[in-house]
């Protein structure tokens, strides 16, 4: 099994737009061969 972790930096004020777009994208992600599961989590750390 392969675990992939991706940190996605979202521009300030665009979190709701991103989550809406991801809602549509996850349908494509879930349809891929070998797909098992995914989770979208918010990070509380901030990179500067």
C-alpha atoms as a PDB file:
ATOM      1  CA  UNK A   1       0.000   0.000   0.000  1.00  0.00           C
ATOM      2  CA  UNK A   2       1.136   3.561  -0.673  1.00  0.00           C
ATOM      3  CA  UNK A   3       0.150   6.445   1.579  1.00  0.00           C
ATOM      4  CA  UNK A   4       0.300   9.841  -0.052  1.00  0.00           C
ATOM      5  CA  UNK A   5       0.179  13.019   2.003  1.00  0.00           C
ATOM      6  CA  UNK A   6      -0.243  16.285   0.129  1.00  0.00           C
ATOM      7  CA  UNK A   7      -0.111  19.701   1.769  1.00  0.00           C
ATOM      8  CA  UNK A   8      -2.211  22.139  -0.233  1.00  0.00           C
ATOM      9  CA  UNK A   9      -1.701  25.826   0.524  1.00  0.00           C
ATOM     10  CA  UNK A  10      -4.964  27.717   0.019  1.00  0.00           C
ATOM     11  CA  UNK A  11      -4.976  31.476  -0.384  1.00  0.00           C
ATOM     12  CA  UNK A  12      -6.507  33.381   2.516  1.00  0.00           C
ATOM     13  CA  UNK A  13     -10.244  33.794   2.163  1.00  0.00           C
ATOM     14  CA  UNK A  14     -10.612  31.035  -0.435  1.00  0.00           C
ATOM     15  CA  UNK A  15     -11.070  28.001   1.844  1.00  0.00           C
ATOM     16  CA  UNK A  16     -14.802  27.703   1.139  1.00  0.00           C
ATOM     17  CA  UNK A  17     -14.197  27.888  -2.627  1.00  0.00           C
ATOM     18  CA  UNK A  18     -11.483  25.243  -2.373  1.00  0.00           C
ATOM     19  CA  UNK A  19     -13.667  22.912  -0.320  1.00  0.00           C
ATOM     20  CA  UNK A  20     -16.490  23.257  -2.861  1.00  0.00           C
ATOM     21  CA  UNK A  21     -14.109  22.479  -5.749  1.00  0.00           C
ATOM     22  CA  UNK A  22     -12.607  19.555  -3.833  1.00  0.00           C
ATOM     23  CA  UNK A  23     -16.093  18.191  -3.292  1.00  0.00           C
ATOM     24  CA  UNK A  24     -16.371  17.803  -7.065  1.00  0.00           C
ATOM     25  CA  UNK A  25     -12.769  16.611  -7.523  1.00  0.00           C
ATOM     26  CA  UNK A  26     -13.134  13.831  -4.973  1.00  0.00           C
ATOM     27  CA  UNK A  27     -15.652  12.122  -7.262  1.00  0.00           C
ATOM     28  CA  UNK A  28     -12.898  11.841  -9.881  1.00  0.00           C
ATOM     29  CA  UNK A  29     -10.287  10.789  -7.310  1.00  0.00           C
ATOM     30  CA  UNK A  30     -12.553   8.054  -5.939  1.00  0.00           C
ATOM     31  CA  UNK A  31     -13.153   6.635  -9.427  1.00  0.00           C
ATOM     32  CA  UNK A  32      -9.455   5.855 -10.049  1.00  0.00           C
ATOM     33  CA  UNK A  33      -8.289   2.234 -10.264  1.00  0.00           C
ATOM     34  CA  UNK A  34      -6.843   1.075  -6.958  1.00  0.00           C
ATOM     35  CA  UNK A  35      -8.522   3.861  -4.994  1.00  0.00           C
ATOM     36  CA  UNK A  36      -9.043   3.010  -1.327  1.00  0.00           C
ATOM     37  CA  UNK A  37      -9.946   6.174   0.560  1.00  0.00           C
ATOM     38  CA  UNK A  38      -9.022   9.787   1.194  1.00  0.00           C
ATOM     39  CA  UNK A  39      -9.432  12.426   3.857  1.00  0.00           C
ATOM     40  CA  UNK A  40      -9.335  16.200   3.660  1.00  0.00           C
ATOM     41  CA  UNK A  41      -8.043  17.745   6.875  1.00  0.00           C
ATOM     42  CA  UNK A  42      -7.374  21.346   7.826  1.00  0.00           C
ATOM     43  CA  UNK A  43      -3.897  22.094   9.110  1.00  0.00           C
ATOM     44  CA  UNK A  44      -3.526  24.407  12.065  1.00  0.00           C
ATOM     45  CA  UNK A  45       0.137  25.160  11.367  1.00  0.00           C
ATOM     46  CA  UNK A  46       1.129  28.150   9.272  1.00  0.00           C
ATOM     47  CA  UNK A  47       4.171  28.299   6.995  1.00  0.00           C
ATOM     48  CA  UNK A  48       5.845  31.668   6.695  1.00  0.00           C
END
